[in-house]
């Protein structure tokens, strides 16, 4: 088991320090769902295909993330509550280099 420590601030403002597995090919949205940090049916509605922005989050740490792809950029261009540090959590893979990642879930649109 190869876990990393990350911090997720839920939509109520509660900070959760959690262990995220890096050996299960999970993305951040799946980690949020597995820890039930957002009500069922309010995050990852499209199943992680970068087609709905329900999993939008704000990256608060200086963690190096994979470059944003065109589909993620296009979805964020249409989403509500977008900030300069917005990303779709379904597009952030849980990798060892994500250790220390801190994000805040965007408000539900």
N, C-alpha and C. Protein backbone atom coordinates (compact mmCIF):
# COMPACT_ATOMS: atom_id res chain seq x y z
N UNK A 1 0.85 -1.19 0.00
CA UNK A 1 0.00 0.00 0.00
C UNK A 1 0.88 1.24 0.00
N UNK A 2 0.70 2.08 -0.97
CA UNK A 2 1.48 3.31 -1.07
C UNK A 2 0.53 4.49 -1.00
N UNK A 3 0.36 5.05 0.19
CA UNK A 3 -0.57 6.16 0.38
C UNK A 3 0.18 7.48 0.50
N UNK A 4 -0.53 8.54 0.09
CA UNK A 4 -0.01 9.90 0.29
C UNK A 4 -0.99 10.63 1.19
N UNK A 5 -0.50 11.65 1.86
CA UNK A 5 -1.35 12.50 2.70
C UNK A 5 -1.78 13.71 1.88
N UNK A 6 -3.09 13.91 1.81
CA UNK A 6 -3.63 15.09 1.13
C UNK A 6 -4.68 15.73 2.04
N UNK A 7 -5.00 16.99 1.75
CA UNK A 7 -6.01 17.71 2.52
C UNK A 7 -7.12 18.15 1.59
N UNK A 8 -8.35 17.85 1.97
CA UNK A 8 -9.52 18.25 1.19
C UNK A 8 -10.44 19.04 2.11
N UNK A 9 -10.80 20.24 1.67
CA UNK A 9 -11.77 21.07 2.41
C UNK A 9 -13.11 20.87 1.71
N UNK A 10 -14.09 20.36 2.46
CA UNK A 10 -15.38 20.06 1.85
C UNK A 10 -16.20 21.34 1.63
N UNK A 11 -17.39 21.19 1.10
CA UNK A 11 -18.22 22.36 0.75
C UNK A 11 -18.78 23.09 1.96
N UNK A 12 -18.66 22.47 3.14
CA UNK A 12 -19.07 23.14 4.39
C UNK A 12 -17.88 23.85 5.04
N UNK A 13 -16.70 23.73 4.43
CA UNK A 13 -15.51 24.37 4.98
C UNK A 13 -14.74 23.52 5.98
N UNK A 14 -15.12 22.26 6.13
CA UNK A 14 -14.43 21.35 7.06
C UNK A 14 -13.20 20.76 6.36
N UNK A 15 -12.06 20.84 7.06
CA UNK A 15 -10.81 20.34 6.51
C UNK A 15 -10.60 18.88 6.90
N UNK A 16 -10.30 18.04 5.90
CA UNK A 16 -10.08 16.61 6.12
C UNK A 16 -8.68 16.25 5.67
N UNK A 17 -7.84 15.73 6.56
CA UNK A 17 -6.53 15.22 6.17
C UNK A 17 -6.71 13.72 6.00
N UNK A 18 -6.45 13.25 4.79
CA UNK A 18 -6.73 11.85 4.48
C UNK A 18 -5.54 11.18 3.82
N UNK A 19 -5.60 9.85 3.83
CA UNK A 19 -4.62 9.04 3.13
C UNK A 19 -5.25 8.65 1.79
N UNK A 20 -4.55 8.95 0.71
CA UNK A 20 -5.05 8.60 -0.62
C UNK A 20 -4.12 7.56 -1.23
N UNK A 21 -4.67 6.45 -1.73
CA UNK A 21 -3.83 5.41 -2.32
C UNK A 21 -3.28 5.84 -3.67
N UNK A 22 -2.02 5.52 -3.92
CA UNK A 22 -1.42 5.83 -5.22
C UNK A 22 -1.26 4.57 -6.07
N UNK A 23 -1.67 3.44 -5.53
CA UNK A 23 -1.48 2.18 -6.25
C UNK A 23 -2.79 1.59 -6.79
N UNK A 24 -3.83 2.42 -6.87
CA UNK A 24 -5.13 1.93 -7.33
C UNK A 24 -5.65 2.69 -8.55
N UNK A 25 -4.82 3.51 -9.19
CA UNK A 25 -5.20 4.28 -10.37
C UNK A 25 -6.44 5.14 -10.13
N UNK A 26 -6.52 5.72 -8.94
CA UNK A 26 -7.65 6.58 -8.61
C UNK A 26 -7.32 8.03 -8.95
N UNK A 27 -8.38 8.82 -9.16
CA UNK A 27 -8.20 10.26 -9.29
C UNK A 27 -8.79 10.92 -8.05
N UNK A 28 -8.56 12.22 -7.92
CA UNK A 28 -9.00 12.94 -6.73
C UNK A 28 -10.51 12.87 -6.53
N UNK A 29 -11.28 12.95 -7.59
CA UNK A 29 -12.74 12.86 -7.48
C UNK A 29 -13.15 11.53 -6.86
N UNK A 30 -12.51 10.44 -7.26
CA UNK A 30 -12.83 9.13 -6.71
C UNK A 30 -12.47 9.04 -5.23
N UNK A 31 -11.38 9.71 -4.85
CA UNK A 31 -11.00 9.74 -3.44
C UNK A 31 -12.05 10.51 -2.63
N UNK A 32 -12.49 11.65 -3.15
CA UNK A 32 -13.55 12.43 -2.48
C UNK A 32 -14.79 11.57 -2.29
N UNK A 33 -15.17 10.84 -3.33
CA UNK A 33 -16.35 9.98 -3.24
C UNK A 33 -16.14 8.84 -2.25
N UNK A 34 -14.98 8.23 -2.27
CA UNK A 34 -14.75 7.08 -1.38
C UNK A 34 -14.75 7.50 0.09
N UNK A 35 -14.33 8.72 0.38
CA UNK A 35 -14.37 9.22 1.76
C UNK A 35 -15.69 9.92 2.08
N UNK A 36 -16.60 9.96 1.10
CA UNK A 36 -17.92 10.58 1.26
C UNK A 36 -17.82 12.02 1.75
N UNK A 37 -16.95 12.81 1.08
CA UNK A 37 -16.74 14.21 1.46
C UNK A 37 -17.68 15.16 0.73
N UNK A 38 -18.53 14.62 -0.12
CA UNK A 38 -19.57 15.39 -0.79
C UNK A 38 -20.81 14.49 -0.84
N UNK A 39 -22.00 15.06 -0.71
CA UNK A 39 -23.21 14.24 -0.75
C UNK A 39 -23.30 13.43 -2.04
N UNK A 40 -23.80 12.21 -1.92
CA UNK A 40 -23.99 11.32 -3.07
C UNK A 40 -24.74 12.04 -4.18
N UNK A 41 -24.27 11.92 -5.40
CA UNK A 41 -24.94 12.51 -6.55
C UNK A 41 -24.61 13.98 -6.79
N UNK A 42 -23.64 14.53 -6.01
CA UNK A 42 -23.29 15.94 -6.21
C UNK A 42 -21.88 16.12 -6.75
N UNK A 43 -21.15 15.03 -6.90
CA UNK A 43 -19.77 15.15 -7.39
C UNK A 43 -19.49 13.97 -8.33
N UNK A 44 -18.87 14.27 -9.45
CA UNK A 44 -18.54 13.22 -10.41
C UNK A 44 -19.75 12.68 -11.14
N UNK A 45 -20.70 13.55 -11.43
CA UNK A 45 -21.95 13.14 -12.06
C UNK A 45 -21.70 12.47 -13.42
N UNK A 46 -20.70 12.94 -14.16
CA UNK A 46 -20.41 12.36 -15.49
C UNK A 46 -19.52 11.13 -15.39
N UNK A 47 -19.14 10.75 -14.18
CA UNK A 47 -18.31 9.57 -14.02
C UNK A 47 -16.83 9.81 -14.23
N UNK A 48 -16.42 11.07 -14.23
CA UNK A 48 -15.00 11.37 -14.36
C UNK A 48 -14.54 11.57 -15.78
N UNK A 49 -15.44 11.98 -16.66
CA UNK A 49 -15.11 12.17 -18.07
C UNK A 49 -14.83 13.63 -18.44
N UNK A 50 -14.70 14.51 -17.46
CA UNK A 50 -14.47 15.95 -17.68
C UNK A 50 -15.61 16.56 -18.50
N UNK A 51 -16.85 16.14 -18.20
CA UNK A 51 -17.99 16.62 -18.97
C UNK A 51 -19.05 17.34 -18.13
N UNK A 52 -18.80 17.56 -16.82
CA UNK A 52 -19.87 18.17 -16.04
C UNK A 52 -19.40 19.23 -15.04
N UNK A 53 -18.16 19.23 -14.65
CA UNK A 53 -17.60 20.19 -13.69
C UNK A 53 -18.18 20.08 -12.28
N UNK A 54 -18.92 19.01 -11.99
CA UNK A 54 -19.45 18.85 -10.62
C UNK A 54 -18.33 18.54 -9.63
N UNK A 55 -17.16 18.16 -10.13
CA UNK A 55 -16.04 17.83 -9.24
C UNK A 55 -15.00 18.95 -9.19
N UNK A 56 -15.38 20.15 -9.65
CA UNK A 56 -14.43 21.26 -9.65
C UNK A 56 -13.89 21.51 -8.23
N UNK A 57 -12.60 21.79 -8.18
CA UNK A 57 -11.98 22.11 -6.90
C UNK A 57 -10.99 23.25 -7.11
N UNK A 58 -10.58 23.85 -6.01
CA UNK A 58 -9.58 24.91 -6.03
C UNK A 58 -8.30 24.34 -5.43
N UNK A 59 -7.21 24.41 -6.17
CA UNK A 59 -5.94 23.89 -5.69
C UNK A 59 -5.28 24.96 -4.82
N UNK A 60 -5.05 24.63 -3.54
CA UNK A 60 -4.53 25.60 -2.58
C UNK A 60 -3.04 25.41 -2.31
N UNK A 61 -2.49 24.28 -2.71
CA UNK A 61 -1.06 24.01 -2.48
C UNK A 61 -0.27 24.27 -3.76
N UNK A 62 1.04 24.27 -3.64
CA UNK A 62 1.91 24.48 -4.80
C UNK A 62 2.29 23.16 -5.46
N UNK A 63 1.46 22.14 -5.26
CA UNK A 63 1.71 20.82 -5.81
C UNK A 63 1.74 20.88 -7.34
N UNK A 64 2.76 20.26 -7.92
CA UNK A 64 2.87 20.19 -9.38
C UNK A 64 1.83 19.21 -9.91
N UNK A 65 0.90 19.71 -10.73
CA UNK A 65 -0.16 18.88 -11.28
C UNK A 65 0.07 18.63 -12.76
N UNK A 66 -0.54 17.56 -13.29
CA UNK A 66 -0.44 17.34 -14.73
C UNK A 66 -1.04 18.54 -15.47
N UNK A 67 -0.53 18.82 -16.64
CA UNK A 67 -1.02 19.94 -17.43
C UNK A 67 -2.49 19.74 -17.78
N UNK A 68 -3.23 20.82 -17.77
CA UNK A 68 -4.65 20.77 -18.10
C UNK A 68 -4.83 20.43 -19.58
N UNK A 69 -5.68 19.46 -19.86
CA UNK A 69 -5.97 19.06 -21.23
C UNK A 69 -7.13 19.90 -21.78
N UNK A 70 -7.31 19.86 -23.10
CA UNK A 70 -8.32 20.68 -23.76
C UNK A 70 -9.74 20.45 -23.24
N UNK A 71 -10.11 19.19 -22.99
CA UNK A 71 -11.48 18.92 -22.52
C UNK A 71 -11.73 19.51 -21.14
N UNK A 72 -10.73 19.46 -20.27
CA UNK A 72 -10.87 20.05 -18.93
C UNK A 72 -10.97 21.57 -19.04
N UNK A 73 -10.12 22.15 -19.85
CA UNK A 73 -10.14 23.60 -20.05
C UNK A 73 -11.49 24.07 -20.60
N UNK A 74 -12.02 23.34 -21.58
CA UNK A 74 -13.31 23.68 -22.18
C UNK A 74 -14.44 23.58 -21.16
N UNK A 75 -14.41 22.55 -20.32
CA UNK A 75 -15.45 22.39 -19.30
C UNK A 75 -15.39 23.50 -18.27
N UNK A 76 -14.19 23.86 -17.84
CA UNK A 76 -14.05 24.95 -16.86
C UNK A 76 -14.47 26.30 -17.46
N UNK A 77 -14.33 26.45 -18.77
CA UNK A 77 -14.74 27.69 -19.43
C UNK A 77 -16.25 27.89 -19.33
N UNK A 78 -17.00 26.81 -19.14
CA UNK A 78 -18.46 26.88 -19.06
C UNK A 78 -18.99 26.74 -17.64
N UNK A 79 -18.13 26.44 -16.68
CA UNK A 79 -18.56 26.15 -15.32
C UNK A 79 -18.81 27.41 -14.51
N UNK A 80 -19.52 27.26 -13.39
CA UNK A 80 -19.76 28.34 -12.44
C UNK A 80 -18.63 28.36 -11.40
N UNK A 81 -18.44 29.48 -10.73
CA UNK A 81 -17.51 29.63 -9.61
C UNK A 81 -16.05 29.32 -9.97
N UNK A 82 -15.68 29.51 -11.23
CA UNK A 82 -14.31 29.19 -11.66
C UNK A 82 -13.34 30.27 -11.17
N UNK A 83 -12.22 29.84 -10.63
CA UNK A 83 -11.14 30.71 -10.17
C UNK A 83 -9.87 30.36 -10.95
N UNK A 84 -8.83 31.17 -10.77
CA UNK A 84 -7.56 30.91 -11.45
C UNK A 84 -6.97 29.55 -11.08
N UNK A 85 -7.27 29.08 -9.86
CA UNK A 85 -6.71 27.81 -9.38
C UNK A 85 -7.70 26.65 -9.51
N UNK A 86 -8.74 26.81 -10.34
CA UNK A 86 -9.73 25.75 -10.52
C UNK A 86 -9.18 24.60 -11.35
N UNK A 87 -9.54 23.39 -10.94
CA UNK A 87 -9.25 22.17 -11.71
C UNK A 87 -10.42 21.23 -11.53
N UNK A 88 -10.56 20.28 -12.44
CA UNK A 88 -11.54 19.21 -12.26
C UNK A 88 -10.83 18.09 -11.52
N UNK A 89 -11.38 17.71 -10.37
CA UNK A 89 -10.69 16.70 -9.57
C UNK A 89 -10.63 15.34 -10.26
N UNK A 90 -11.50 15.10 -11.23
CA UNK A 90 -11.45 13.84 -11.97
C UNK A 90 -10.23 13.77 -12.89
N UNK A 91 -9.57 14.90 -13.09
CA UNK A 91 -8.41 14.96 -13.98
C UNK A 91 -7.10 15.04 -13.19
N UNK A 92 -7.16 14.84 -11.88
CA UNK A 92 -5.96 14.86 -11.03
C UNK A 92 -5.71 13.44 -10.51
N UNK A 93 -4.75 12.74 -11.11
CA UNK A 93 -4.46 11.37 -10.67
C UNK A 93 -3.75 11.36 -9.32
N UNK A 94 -4.02 10.33 -8.54
CA UNK A 94 -3.35 10.18 -7.26
C UNK A 94 -2.00 9.48 -7.49
N UNK A 95 -0.96 10.28 -7.51
CA UNK A 95 0.40 9.82 -7.75
C UNK A 95 1.26 10.18 -6.54
N UNK A 96 2.38 9.47 -6.33
CA UNK A 96 3.25 9.79 -5.19
C UNK A 96 3.65 11.27 -5.13
N UNK A 97 3.82 11.89 -6.30
CA UNK A 97 4.23 13.31 -6.29
C UNK A 97 3.12 14.26 -5.88
N UNK A 98 1.91 13.74 -5.63
CA UNK A 98 0.80 14.58 -5.15
C UNK A 98 0.81 14.71 -3.63
N UNK A 99 1.79 14.12 -2.96
CA UNK A 99 1.93 14.23 -1.50
C UNK A 99 1.81 15.70 -1.09
N UNK A 100 0.95 15.97 -0.09
CA UNK A 100 0.78 17.33 0.41
C UNK A 100 -0.23 18.16 -0.35
N UNK A 101 -0.86 17.59 -1.37
CA UNK A 101 -1.88 18.31 -2.14
C UNK A 101 -2.96 18.83 -1.19
N UNK A 102 -3.38 20.08 -1.40
CA UNK A 102 -4.48 20.65 -0.62
C UNK A 102 -5.45 21.31 -1.59
N UNK A 103 -6.71 20.89 -1.49
CA UNK A 103 -7.75 21.43 -2.37
C UNK A 103 -8.99 21.77 -1.56
N UNK A 104 -9.80 22.64 -2.15
CA UNK A 104 -11.10 22.98 -1.57
C UNK A 104 -12.14 22.68 -2.65
N UNK A 105 -13.19 21.97 -2.29
CA UNK A 105 -14.25 21.66 -3.26
C UNK A 105 -15.01 22.94 -3.59
N UNK A 106 -15.26 23.15 -4.87
CA UNK A 106 -16.02 24.32 -5.32
C UNK A 106 -17.49 24.14 -4.90
N UNK A 107 -18.22 25.26 -4.76
CA UNK A 107 -19.65 25.15 -4.42
C UNK A 107 -20.39 24.35 -5.48
N UNK A 108 -21.46 23.72 -5.05
CA UNK A 108 -22.31 22.97 -5.98
C UNK A 108 -23.01 23.97 -6.90
N UNK A 109 -23.02 23.68 -8.23
CA UNK A 109 -23.65 24.65 -9.13
C UNK A 109 -25.13 24.40 -9.25
